[in-house]
Amino acid sequence: MQKIVETFIRAANAFDVDGALSLFSSDAVIDDVSVGDAFVGRDGVRDYLERFFVGYHTKSELLSLDRLDDFNAAIRLDFKGDFGHEIGVLKITVNAQGLIERIDADLE
């Protein structure tokens, strides 16, 4: 879990949408309460990454990772970008192939 989280952060910080997208299953969901929407499938995840990471020049730093089991983790991220500064909380689920299947995101 640590490796996929760190790889995702590196790709997102480099605005490497395709690299980040390769970490997600084809039917992945990002449900972000802070923006009031869920982003479904690879097209949805791409839209999310382009809008909220590339679009706002977001840089993330991992603050903590709590591995809940083999497929689930809760992480806290320090987000900085054109919007200012926020602390985010992500609940991440990966599938048996090690791809991100779901992210439930919110801000503290």
PDB file of N, CA and C in Angstrom:
ATOM      1  N   MET A   1       0.829  -1.197   0.000  1.00  0.00           N
ATOM      2  CA  MET A   1       0.000   0.000   0.000  1.00  0.00           C
ATOM      3  C   MET A   1       0.873   1.260   0.000  1.00  0.00           C
ATOM      4  N   GLN A   2       1.928   1.234   0.782  1.00  0.00           N
ATOM      5  CA  GLN A   2       2.827   2.389   0.845  1.00  0.00           C
ATOM      6  C   GLN A   2       3.377   2.721  -0.544  1.00  0.00           C
ATOM      7  N   LYS A   3       3.773   1.696  -1.276  1.00  0.00           N
ATOM      8  CA  LYS A   3       4.373   1.913  -2.594  1.00  0.00           C
ATOM      9  C   LYS A   3       3.381   2.559  -3.567  1.00  0.00           C
ATOM     10  N   ILE A   4       2.149   2.073  -3.622  1.00  0.00           N
ATOM     11  CA  ILE A   4       1.189   2.641  -4.568  1.00  0.00           C
ATOM     12  C   ILE A   4       0.834   4.075  -4.185  1.00  0.00           C
ATOM     13  N   VAL A   5       0.736   4.347  -2.887  1.00  0.00           N
ATOM     14  CA  VAL A   5       0.450   5.716  -2.433  1.00  0.00           C
ATOM     15  C   VAL A   5       1.596   6.642  -2.824  1.00  0.00           C
ATOM     16  N   GLU A   6       2.827   6.238  -2.567  1.00  0.00           N
ATOM     17  CA  GLU A   6       3.980   7.075  -2.907  1.00  0.00           C
ATOM     18  C   GLU A   6       4.101   7.261  -4.424  1.00  0.00           C
ATOM     19  N   THR A   7       3.822   6.215  -5.191  1.00  0.00           N
ATOM     20  CA  THR A   7       3.870   6.320  -6.647  1.00  0.00           C
ATOM     21  C   THR A   7       2.797   7.272  -7.149  1.00  0.00           C
ATOM     22  N   PHE A   8       1.598   7.190  -6.586  1.00  0.00           N
ATOM     23  CA  PHE A   8       0.518   8.100  -6.952  1.00  0.00           C
ATOM     24  C   PHE A   8       0.906   9.552  -6.648  1.00  0.00           C
ATOM     25  N   ILE A   9       1.445   9.806  -5.476  1.00  0.00           N
ATOM     26  CA  ILE A   9       1.832  11.173  -5.106  1.00  0.00           C
ATOM     27  C   ILE A   9       2.906  11.700  -6.049  1.00  0.00           C
ATOM     28  N   ARG A  10       3.903  10.885  -6.360  1.00  0.00           N
ATOM     29  CA  ARG A  10       4.964  11.322  -7.291  1.00  0.00           C
ATOM     30  C   ARG A  10       4.382  11.675  -8.654  1.00  0.00           C
ATOM     31  N   ALA A  11       3.518  10.813  -9.184  1.00  0.00           N
ATOM     32  CA  ALA A  11       2.925  11.066 -10.501  1.00  0.00           C
ATOM     33  C   ALA A  11       2.047  12.315 -10.469  1.00  0.00           C
ATOM     34  N   ALA A  12       1.226  12.449  -9.440  1.00  0.00           N
ATOM     35  CA  ALA A  12       0.347  13.621  -9.341  1.00  0.00           C
ATOM     36  C   ALA A  12       1.165  14.904  -9.190  1.00  0.00           C
ATOM     37  N   ASN A  13       2.220  14.877  -8.384  1.00  0.00           N
ATOM     38  CA  ASN A  13       3.061  16.064  -8.196  1.00  0.00           C
ATOM     39  C   ASN A  13       3.802  16.446  -9.470  1.00  0.00           C
ATOM     40  N   ALA A  14       4.061  15.471 -10.339  1.00  0.00           N
ATOM     41  CA  ALA A  14       4.728  15.737 -11.626  1.00  0.00           C
ATOM     42  C   ALA A  14       3.707  16.076 -12.720  1.00  0.00           C
ATOM     43  N   PHE A  15       2.414  16.106 -12.346  1.00  0.00           N
ATOM     44  CA  PHE A  15       1.315  16.342 -13.298  1.00  0.00           C
ATOM     45  C   PHE A  15       1.343  15.306 -14.416  1.00  0.00           C
ATOM     46  N   ASP A  16       1.776  14.095 -14.070  1.00  0.00           N
ATOM     47  CA  ASP A  16       1.818  12.967 -14.995  1.00  0.00           C
ATOM     48  C   ASP A  16       0.484  12.225 -14.896  1.00  0.00           C
ATOM     49  N   VAL A  17      -0.513  12.743 -15.595  1.00  0.00           N
ATOM     50  CA  VAL A  17      -1.861  12.191 -15.517  1.00  0.00           C
ATOM     51  C   VAL A  17      -1.875  10.735 -15.971  1.00  0.00           C
ATOM     52  N   ASP A  18      -1.211  10.429 -17.077  1.00  0.00           N
ATOM     53  CA  ASP A  18      -1.201   9.050 -17.566  1.00  0.00           C
ATOM     54  C   ASP A  18      -0.514   8.110 -16.577  1.00  0.00           C
ATOM     55  N   GLY A  19       0.561   8.570 -15.980  1.00  0.00           N
ATOM     56  CA  GLY A  19       1.250   7.753 -14.979  1.00  0.00           C
ATOM     57  C   GLY A  19       0.370   7.499 -13.768  1.00  0.00           C
ATOM     58  N   ALA A  20      -0.305   8.524 -13.282  1.00  0.00           N
ATOM     59  CA  ALA A  20      -1.212   8.356 -12.146  1.00  0.00           C
ATOM     60  C   ALA A  20      -2.385   7.463 -12.531  1.00  0.00           C
ATOM     61  N   LEU A  21      -2.923   7.679 -13.718  1.00  0.00           N
ATOM     62  CA  LEU A  21      -4.077   6.912 -14.184  1.00  0.00           C
ATOM     63  C   LEU A  21      -3.761   5.417 -14.293  1.00  0.00           C
ATOM     64  N   SER A  22      -2.512   5.085 -14.600  1.00  0.00           N
ATOM     65  CA  SER A  22      -2.130   3.679 -14.735  1.00  0.00           C
ATOM     66  C   SER A  22      -2.217   2.921 -13.408  1.00  0.00           C
ATOM     67  N   LEU A  23      -2.353   3.623 -12.301  1.00  0.00           N
ATOM     68  CA  LEU A  23      -2.445   3.008 -10.980  1.00  0.00           C
ATOM     69  C   LEU A  23      -3.879   2.638 -10.606  1.00  0.00           C
ATOM     70  N   PHE A  24      -4.852   3.024 -11.444  1.00  0.00           N
ATOM     71  CA  PHE A  24      -6.271   2.832 -11.151  1.00  0.00           C
ATOM     72  C   PHE A  24      -6.857   1.699 -11.987  1.00  0.00           C
ATOM     73  N   SER A  25      -7.813   0.973 -11.407  1.00  0.00           N
ATOM     74  CA  SER A  25      -8.571  -0.017 -12.163  1.00  0.00           C
ATOM     75  C   SER A  25      -9.478   0.708 -13.159  1.00  0.00           C
ATOM     76  N   SER A  26      -9.934  -0.003 -14.170  1.00  0.00           N
ATOM     77  CA  SER A  26     -10.758   0.625 -15.207  1.00  0.00           C
ATOM     78  C   SER A  26     -12.100   1.112 -14.682  1.00  0.00           C
ATOM     79  N   ASP A  27     -12.577   0.544 -13.580  1.00  0.00           N
ATOM     80  CA  ASP A  27     -13.863   0.956 -13.018  1.00  0.00           C
ATOM     81  C   ASP A  27     -13.698   1.711 -11.697  1.00  0.00           C
ATOM     82  N   ALA A  28     -12.546   2.317 -11.490  1.00  0.00           N
ATOM     83  CA  ALA A  28     -12.248   3.039 -10.251  1.00  0.00           C
ATOM     84  C   ALA A  28     -13.227   4.193 -10.034  1.00  0.00           C
ATOM     85  N   VAL A  29     -13.360   4.562  -8.771  1.00  0.00           N
ATOM     86  CA  VAL A  29     -14.204   5.688  -8.381  1.00  0.00           C
ATOM     87  C   VAL A  29     -13.416   6.576  -7.430  1.00  0.00           C
ATOM     88  N   ILE A  30     -13.453   7.874  -7.689  1.00  0.00           N
ATOM     89  CA  ILE A  30     -12.985   8.857  -6.711  1.00  0.00           C
ATOM     90  C   ILE A  30     -14.215   9.639  -6.288  1.00  0.00           C
ATOM     91  N   ASP A  31     -14.585   9.493  -5.019  1.00  0.00           N
ATOM     92  CA  ASP A  31     -15.735  10.205  -4.463  1.00  0.00           C
ATOM     93  C   ASP A  31     -15.175  11.277  -3.536  1.00  0.00           C
ATOM     94  N   ASP A  32     -15.260  12.525  -3.974  1.00  0.00           N
ATOM     95  CA  ASP A  32     -14.649  13.633  -3.236  1.00  0.00           C
ATOM     96  C   ASP A  32     -15.744  14.534  -2.675  1.00  0.00           C
ATOM     97  N   VAL A  33     -16.001  14.381  -1.388  1.00  0.00           N
ATOM     98  CA  VAL A  33     -17.028  15.168  -0.711  1.00  0.00           C
ATOM     99  C   VAL A  33     -16.721  16.655  -0.811  1.00  0.00           C
ATOM    100  N   SER A  34     -15.446  17.025  -0.770  1.00  0.00           N
ATOM    101  CA  SER A  34     -15.073  18.445  -0.765  1.00  0.00           C
ATOM    102  C   SER A  34     -15.442  19.156  -2.061  1.00  0.00           C
ATOM    103  N   VAL A  35     -15.570  18.429  -3.167  1.00  0.00           N
ATOM    104  CA  VAL A  35     -15.994  19.049  -4.425  1.00  0.00           C
ATOM    105  C   VAL A  35     -17.422  18.647  -4.786  1.00  0.00           C
ATOM    106  N   GLY A  36     -18.016  17.775  -3.962  1.00  0.00           N
ATOM    107  CA  GLY A  36     -19.409  17.411  -4.140  1.00  0.00           C
ATOM    108  C   GLY A  36     -19.706  16.543  -5.347  1.00  0.00           C
ATOM    109  N   ASP A  37     -18.748  15.675  -5.716  1.00  0.00           N
ATOM    110  CA  ASP A  37     -18.965  14.863  -6.900  1.00  0.00           C
ATOM    111  C   ASP A  37     -18.175  13.568  -6.806  1.00  0.00           C
ATOM    112  N   ALA A  38     -18.635  12.575  -7.563  1.00  0.00           N
ATOM    113  CA  ALA A  38     -17.908  11.312  -7.707  1.00  0.00           C
ATOM    114  C   ALA A  38     -17.449  11.212  -9.160  1.00  0.00           C
ATOM    115  N   PHE A  39     -16.261  10.678  -9.355  1.00  0.00           N
ATOM    116  CA  PHE A  39     -15.642  10.564 -10.674  1.00  0.00           C
ATOM    117  C   PHE A  39     -15.451   9.078 -10.937  1.00  0.00           C
ATOM    118  N   VAL A  40     -16.108   8.576 -11.985  1.00  0.00           N
ATOM    119  CA  VAL A  40     -16.226   7.146 -12.207  1.00  0.00           C
ATOM    120  C   VAL A  40     -15.482   6.706 -13.465  1.00  0.00           C
ATOM    121  N   GLY A  41     -14.760   5.588 -13.350  1.00  0.00           N
ATOM    122  CA  GLY A  41     -14.035   5.030 -14.481  1.00  0.00           C
ATOM    123  C   GLY A  41     -12.788   5.829 -14.806  1.00  0.00           C
ATOM    124  N   ARG A  42     -12.045   5.344 -15.775  1.00  0.00           N
ATOM    125  CA  ARG A  42     -10.781   6.025 -16.138  1.00  0.00           C
ATOM    126  C   ARG A  42     -11.022   7.441 -16.643  1.00  0.00           C
ATOM    127  N   ASP A  43     -12.107   7.647 -17.402  1.00  0.00           N
ATOM    128  CA  ASP A  43     -12.399   9.000 -17.880  1.00  0.00           C
ATOM    129  C   ASP A  43     -12.700   9.936 -16.717  1.00  0.00           C
ATOM    130  N   GLY A  44     -13.433   9.441 -15.737  1.00  0.00           N
ATOM    131  CA  GLY A  44     -13.734  10.246 -14.559  1.00  0.00           C
ATOM    132  C   GLY A  44     -12.497  10.557 -13.746  1.00  0.00           C
ATOM    133  N   VAL A  45     -11.648   9.552 -13.543  1.00  0.00           N
ATOM    134  CA  VAL A  45     -10.404   9.763 -12.788  1.00  0.00           C
ATOM    135  C   VAL A  45      -9.505  10.746 -13.527  1.00  0.00           C
ATOM    136  N   ARG A  46      -9.419  10.618 -14.851  1.00  0.00           N
ATOM    137  CA  ARG A  46      -8.622  11.565 -15.646  1.00  0.00           C
ATOM    138  C   ARG A  46      -9.145  12.990 -15.446  1.00  0.00           C
ATOM    139  N   ASP A  47     -10.462  13.155 -15.530  1.00  0.00           N
ATOM    140  CA  ASP A  47     -11.075  14.474 -15.334  1.00  0.00           C
ATOM    141  C   ASP A  47     -10.707  15.032 -13.965  1.00  0.00           C
ATOM    142  N   TYR A  48     -10.799  14.210 -12.934  1.00  0.00           N
ATOM    143  CA  TYR A  48     -10.464  14.630 -11.578  1.00  0.00           C
ATOM    144  C   TYR A  48      -9.004  15.090 -11.487  1.00  0.00           C
ATOM    145  N   LEU A  49      -8.097  14.274 -11.996  1.00  0.00           N
ATOM    146  CA  LEU A  49      -6.675  14.614 -11.935  1.00  0.00           C
ATOM    147  C   LEU A  49      -6.370  15.898 -12.700  1.00  0.00           C
ATOM    148  N   GLU A  50      -6.947  16.036 -13.880  1.00  0.00           N
ATOM    149  CA  GLU A  50      -6.688  17.233 -14.690  1.00  0.00           C
ATOM    150  C   GLU A  50      -7.273  18.480 -14.049  1.00  0.00           C
ATOM    151  N   ARG A  51      -8.459  18.374 -13.478  1.00  0.00           N
ATOM    152  CA  ARG A  51      -9.105  19.542 -12.879  1.00  0.00           C
ATOM    153  C   ARG A  51      -8.471  19.961 -11.561  1.00  0.00           C
ATOM    154  N   PHE A  52      -8.257  18.993 -10.668  1.00  0.00           N
ATOM    155  CA  PHE A  52      -7.900  19.340  -9.297  1.00  0.00           C
ATOM    156  C   PHE A  52      -6.417  19.204  -8.968  1.00  0.00           C
ATOM    157  N   PHE A  53      -5.654  18.539  -9.802  1.00  0.00           N
ATOM    158  CA  PHE A  53      -4.207  18.474  -9.588  1.00  0.00           C
ATOM    159  C   PHE A  53      -3.487  19.351 -10.612  1.00  0.00           C
ATOM    160  N   VAL A  54      -3.658  19.068 -11.886  1.00  0.00           N
ATOM    161  CA  VAL A  54      -3.013  19.882 -12.921  1.00  0.00           C
ATOM    162  C   VAL A  54      -3.587  21.300 -12.915  1.00  0.00           C
ATOM    163  N   GLY A  55      -4.904  21.409 -12.913  1.00  0.00           N
ATOM    164  CA  GLY A  55      -5.565  22.708 -13.012  1.00  0.00           C
ATOM    165  C   GLY A  55      -5.237  23.666 -11.891  1.00  0.00           C
ATOM    166  N   TYR A  56      -5.055  23.143 -10.682  1.00  0.00           N
ATOM    167  CA  TYR A  56      -4.743  23.989  -9.523  1.00  0.00           C
ATOM    168  C   TYR A  56      -3.277  23.914  -9.118  1.00  0.00           C
ATOM    169  N   HIS A  57      -2.463  23.276  -9.951  1.00  0.00           N
ATOM    170  CA  HIS A  57      -1.022  23.124  -9.658  1.00  0.00           C
ATOM    171  C   HIS A  57      -0.797  22.555  -8.255  1.00  0.00           C
ATOM    172  N   THR A  58      -1.558  21.522  -7.948  1.00  0.00           N
ATOM    173  CA  THR A  58      -1.536  20.928  -6.610  1.00  0.00           C
ATOM    174  C   THR A  58      -0.292  20.070  -6.403  1.00  0.00           C
ATOM    175  N   LYS A  59       0.344  20.300  -5.285  1.00  0.00           N
ATOM    176  CA  LYS A  59       1.458  19.472  -4.828  1.00  0.00           C
ATOM    177  C   LYS A  59       1.051  18.852  -3.500  1.00  0.00           C
ATOM    178  N   SER A  60       1.322  17.570  -3.347  1.00  0.00           N
ATOM    179  CA  SER A  60       0.904  16.831  -2.161  1.00  0.00           C
ATOM    180  C   SER A  60       2.107  16.276  -1.424  1.00  0.00           C
ATOM    181  N   GLU A  61       1.981  16.231  -0.110  1.00  0.00           N
ATOM    182  CA  GLU A  61       2.997  15.606   0.735  1.00  0.00           C
ATOM    183  C   GLU A  61       2.288  14.647   1.685  1.00  0.00           C
ATOM    184  N   LEU A  62       2.775  13.428   1.751  1.00  0.00           N
ATOM    185  CA  LEU A  62       2.195  12.424   2.628  1.00  0.00           C
ATOM    186  C   LEU A  62       2.492  12.771   4.079  1.00  0.00           C
ATOM    187  N   LEU A  63       1.442  12.891   4.886  1.00  0.00           N
ATOM    188  CA  LEU A  63       1.605  13.155   6.314  1.00  0.00           C
ATOM    189  C   LEU A  63       1.527  11.874   7.127  1.00  0.00           C
ATOM    190  N   SER A  64       0.600  10.989   6.730  1.00  0.00           N
ATOM    191  CA  SER A  64       0.486   9.712   7.444  1.00  0.00           C
ATOM    192  C   SER A  64      -0.229   8.693   6.577  1.00  0.00           C
ATOM    193  N   LEU A  65       0.056   7.435   6.851  1.00  0.00           N
ATOM    194  CA  LEU A  65      -0.600   6.326   6.177  1.00  0.00           C
ATOM    195  C   LEU A  65      -0.925   5.281   7.226  1.00  0.00           C
ATOM    196  N   ASP A  66      -2.207   4.987   7.374  1.00  0.00           N
ATOM    197  CA  ASP A  66      -2.668   3.974   8.316  1.00  0.00           C
ATOM    198  C   ASP A  66      -3.213   2.810   7.501  1.00  0.00           C
ATOM    199  N   ARG A  67      -2.441   1.742   7.424  1.00  0.00           N
ATOM    200  CA  ARG A  67      -2.847   0.548   6.671  1.00  0.00           C
ATOM    201  C   ARG A  67      -3.888  -0.190   7.482  1.00  0.00           C
ATOM    202  N   LEU A  68      -5.104  -0.270   6.952  1.00  0.00           N
ATOM    203  CA  LEU A  68      -6.204  -0.892   7.684  1.00  0.00           C
ATOM    204  C   LEU A  68      -6.220  -2.406   7.499  1.00  0.00           C
ATOM    205  N   ASP A  69      -5.884  -2.857   6.286  1.00  0.00           N
ATOM    206  CA  ASP A  69      -5.740  -4.275   5.968  1.00  0.00           C
ATOM    207  C   ASP A  69      -5.006  -4.352   4.634  1.00  0.00           C
ATOM    208  N   ASP A  70      -4.993  -5.509   3.988  1.00  0.00           N
ATOM    209  CA  ASP A  70      -4.243  -5.665   2.746  1.00  0.00           C
ATOM    210  C   ASP A  70      -4.787  -4.819   1.596  1.00  0.00           C
ATOM    211  N   PHE A  71      -6.039  -4.378   1.691  1.00  0.00           N
ATOM    212  CA  PHE A  71      -6.670  -3.685   0.572  1.00  0.00           C
ATOM    213  C   PHE A  71      -7.119  -2.255   0.886  1.00  0.00           C
ATOM    214  N   ASN A  72      -6.991  -1.826   2.116  1.00  0.00           N
ATOM    215  CA  ASN A  72      -7.508  -0.519   2.520  1.00  0.00           C
ATOM    216  C   ASN A  72      -6.514   0.253   3.374  1.00  0.00           C
ATOM    217  N   ALA A  73      -6.487   1.560   3.150  1.00  0.00           N
ATOM    218  CA  ALA A  73      -5.641   2.438   3.956  1.00  0.00           C
ATOM    219  C   ALA A  73      -6.320   3.796   4.084  1.00  0.00           C
ATOM    220  N   ALA A  74      -5.986   4.475   5.153  1.00  0.00           N
ATOM    221  CA  ALA A  74      -6.414   5.862   5.353  1.00  0.00           C
ATOM    222  C   ALA A  74      -5.154   6.709   5.359  1.00  0.00           C
ATOM    223  N   ILE A  75      -5.151   7.737   4.531  1.00  0.00           N
ATOM    224  CA  ILE A  75      -3.967   8.594   4.474  1.00  0.00           C
ATOM    225  C   ILE A  75      -4.361  10.050   4.686  1.00  0.00           C
ATOM    226  N   ARG A  76      -3.401  10.808   5.168  1.00  0.00           N
ATOM    227  CA  ARG A  76      -3.548  12.264   5.291  1.00  0.00           C
ATOM    228  C   ARG A  76      -2.485  12.888   4.401  1.00  0.00           C
ATOM    229  N   LEU A  77      -2.911  13.882   3.648  1.00  0.00           N
ATOM    230  CA  LEU A  77      -2.017  14.581   2.727  1.00  0.00           C
ATOM    231  C   LEU A  77      -2.064  16.073   2.981  1.00  0.00           C
ATOM    232  N   ASP A  78      -0.931  16.704   2.827  1.00  0.00           N
ATOM    233  CA  ASP A  78      -0.823  18.158   2.851  1.00  0.00           C
ATOM    234  C   ASP A  78      -0.893  18.617   1.402  1.00  0.00           C
ATOM    235  N   PHE A  79      -1.960  19.354   1.053  1.00  0.00           N
ATOM    236  CA  PHE A  79      -2.153  19.852  -0.304  1.00  0.00           C
ATOM    237  C   PHE A  79      -1.823  21.335  -0.364  1.00  0.00           C
ATOM    238  N   LYS A  80      -1.022  21.722  -1.357  1.00  0.00           N
ATOM    239  CA  LYS A  80      -0.745  23.137  -1.627  1.00  0.00           C
ATOM    240  C   LYS A  80      -0.909  23.371  -3.113  1.00  0.00           C
ATOM    241  N   GLY A  81      -1.492  24.510  -3.462  1.00  0.00           N
ATOM    242  CA  GLY A  81      -1.686  24.830  -4.870  1.00  0.00           C
ATOM    243  C   GLY A  81      -2.267  26.212  -5.021  1.00  0.00           C
ATOM    244  N   ASP A  82      -2.818  26.485  -6.189  1.00  0.00           N
ATOM    245  CA  ASP A  82      -3.397  27.795  -6.471  1.00  0.00           C
ATOM    246  C   ASP A  82      -4.555  28.147  -5.539  1.00  0.00           C
ATOM    247  N   PHE A  83      -5.137  27.167  -4.898  1.00  0.00           N
ATOM    248  CA  PHE A  83      -6.259  27.340  -3.975  1.00  0.00           C
ATOM    249  C   PHE A  83      -5.791  27.717  -2.580  1.00  0.00           C
ATOM    250  N   GLY A  84      -4.505  27.562  -2.311  1.00  0.00           N
ATOM    251  CA  GLY A  84      -3.971  27.799  -0.974  1.00  0.00           C
ATOM    252  C   GLY A  84      -3.425  26.519  -0.384  1.00  0.00           C
ATOM    253  N   HIS A  85      -3.864  26.204   0.835  1.00  0.00           N
ATOM    254  CA  HIS A  85      -3.328  25.063   1.576  1.00  0.00           C
ATOM    255  C   HIS A  85      -4.474  24.342   2.270  1.00  0.00           C
ATOM    256  N   GLU A  86      -4.489  23.019   2.175  1.00  0.00           N
ATOM    257  CA  GLU A  86      -5.505  22.184   2.815  1.00  0.00           C
ATOM    258  C   GLU A  86      -4.867  20.876   3.282  1.00  0.00           C
ATOM    259  N   ILE A  87      -5.494  20.251   4.255  1.00  0.00           N
ATOM    260  CA  ILE A  87      -5.142  18.901   4.658  1.00  0.00           C
ATOM    261  C   ILE A  87      -6.258  17.989   4.167  1.00  0.00           C
ATOM    262  N   GLY A  88      -5.883  16.955   3.426  1.00  0.00           N
ATOM    263  CA  GLY A  88      -6.861  16.020   2.883  1.00  0.00           C
ATOM    264  C   GLY A  88      -6.784  14.676   3.572  1.00  0.00           C
ATOM    265  N   VAL A  89      -7.933  14.012   3.632  1.00  0.00           N
ATOM    266  CA  VAL A  89      -8.032  12.673   4.176  1.00  0.00           C
ATOM    267  C   VAL A  89      -8.578  11.777   3.067  1.00  0.00           C
ATOM    268  N   LEU A  90      -7.824  10.732   2.734  1.00  0.00           N
ATOM    269  CA  LEU A  90      -8.226   9.816   1.669  1.00  0.00           C
ATOM    270  C   LEU A  90      -8.337   8.407   2.236  1.00  0.00           C
ATOM    271  N   LYS A  91      -9.446   7.760   1.939  1.00  0.00           N
ATOM    272  CA  LYS A  91      -9.584   6.335   2.220  1.00  0.00           C
ATOM    273  C   LYS A  91      -9.411   5.642   0.881  1.00  0.00           C
ATOM    274  N   ILE A  92      -8.380   4.813   0.783  1.00  0.00           N
ATOM    275  CA  ILE A  92      -8.012   4.180  -0.487  1.00  0.00           C
ATOM    276  C   ILE A  92      -8.255   2.675  -0.397  1.00  0.00           C
ATOM    277  N   THR A  93      -8.883   2.154  -1.444  1.00  0.00           N
ATOM    278  CA  THR A  93      -9.084   0.712  -1.577  1.00  0.00           C
ATOM    279  C   THR A  93      -8.392   0.254  -2.847  1.00  0.00           C
ATOM    280  N   VAL A  94      -7.586  -0.796  -2.733  1.00  0.00           N
ATOM    281  CA  VAL A  94      -6.958  -1.406  -3.906  1.00  0.00           C
ATOM    282  C   VAL A  94      -7.573  -2.781  -4.128  1.00  0.00           C
ATOM    283  N   ASN A  95      -7.507  -3.255  -5.371  1.00  0.00           N
ATOM    284  CA  ASN A  95      -8.032  -4.581  -5.689  1.00  0.00           C
ATOM    285  C   ASN A  95      -6.919  -5.628  -5.563  1.00  0.00           C
ATOM    286  N   ALA A  96      -7.238  -6.868  -5.863  1.00  0.00           N
ATOM    287  CA  ALA A  96      -6.275  -7.966  -5.742  1.00  0.00           C
ATOM    288  C   ALA A  96      -5.074  -7.801  -6.673  1.00  0.00           C
ATOM    289  N   GLN A  97      -5.231  -7.033  -7.764  1.00  0.00           N
ATOM    290  CA  GLN A  97      -4.125  -6.774  -8.690  1.00  0.00           C
ATOM    291  C   GLN A  97      -3.265  -5.594  -8.240  1.00  0.00           C
ATOM    292  N   GLY A  98      -3.620  -4.958  -7.124  1.00  0.00           N
ATOM    293  CA  GLY A  98      -2.839  -3.845  -6.604  1.00  0.00           C
ATOM    294  C   GLY A  98      -3.162  -2.518  -7.248  1.00  0.00           C
ATOM    295  N   LEU A  99      -4.294  -2.435  -7.948  1.00  0.00           N
ATOM    296  CA  LEU A  99      -4.722  -1.179  -8.566  1.00  0.00           C
ATOM    297  C   LEU A  99      -5.727  -0.473  -7.666  1.00  0.00           C
ATOM    298  N   ILE A 100      -5.695   0.847  -7.701  1.00  0.00           N
ATOM    299  CA  ILE A 100      -6.642   1.616  -6.905  1.00  0.00           C
ATOM    300  C   ILE A 100      -8.044   1.421  -7.477  1.00  0.00           C
ATOM    301  N   GLU A 101      -8.930   0.994  -6.593  1.00  0.00           N
ATOM    302  CA  GLU A 101     -10.304   0.721  -6.983  1.00  0.00           C
ATOM    303  C   GLU A 101     -11.230   1.853  -6.550  1.00  0.00           C
ATOM    304  N   ARG A 102     -10.899   2.478  -5.404  1.00  0.00           N
ATOM    305  CA  ARG A 102     -11.760   3.537  -4.882  1.00  0.00           C
ATOM    306  C   ARG A 102     -10.947   4.466  -3.982  1.00  0.00           C
ATOM    307  N   ILE A 103     -11.260   5.749  -4.088  1.00  0.00           N
ATOM    308  CA  ILE A 103     -10.753   6.747  -3.150  1.00  0.00           C
ATOM    309  C   ILE A 103     -11.943   7.544  -2.665  1.00  0.00           C
ATOM    310  N   ASP A 104     -12.114   7.591  -1.353  1.00  0.00           N
ATOM    311  CA  ASP A 104     -13.095   8.486  -0.725  1.00  0.00           C
ATOM    312  C   ASP A 104     -12.286   9.626  -0.145  1.00  0.00           C
ATOM    313  N   ALA A 105     -12.512  10.836  -0.659  1.00  0.00           N
ATOM    314  CA  ALA A 105     -11.674  11.976  -0.306  1.00  0.00           C
ATOM    315  C   ALA A 105     -12.499  13.060   0.391  1.00  0.00           C
ATOM    316  N   ASP A 106     -11.856  13.739   1.315  1.00  0.00           N
ATOM    317  CA  ASP A 106     -12.464  14.873   1.993  1.00  0.00           C
ATOM    318  C   ASP A 106     -11.336  15.749   2.557  1.00  0.00           C
ATOM    319  N   LEU A 107     -11.702  16.899   3.021  1.00  0.00           N
ATOM    320  CA  LEU A 107     -10.754  17.801   3.661  1.00  0.00           C
ATOM    321  C   LEU A 107     -11.013  17.825   5.163  1.00  0.00           C
ATOM    322  N   GLU A 108      -9.954  18.034   5.940  1.00  0.00           N
ATOM    323  CA  GLU A 108     -10.142  18.134   7.399  1.00  0.00           C
ATOM    324  C   GLU A 108     -10.821  19.436   7.732  1.00  0.00           C
TER     325      GLU A 108
END
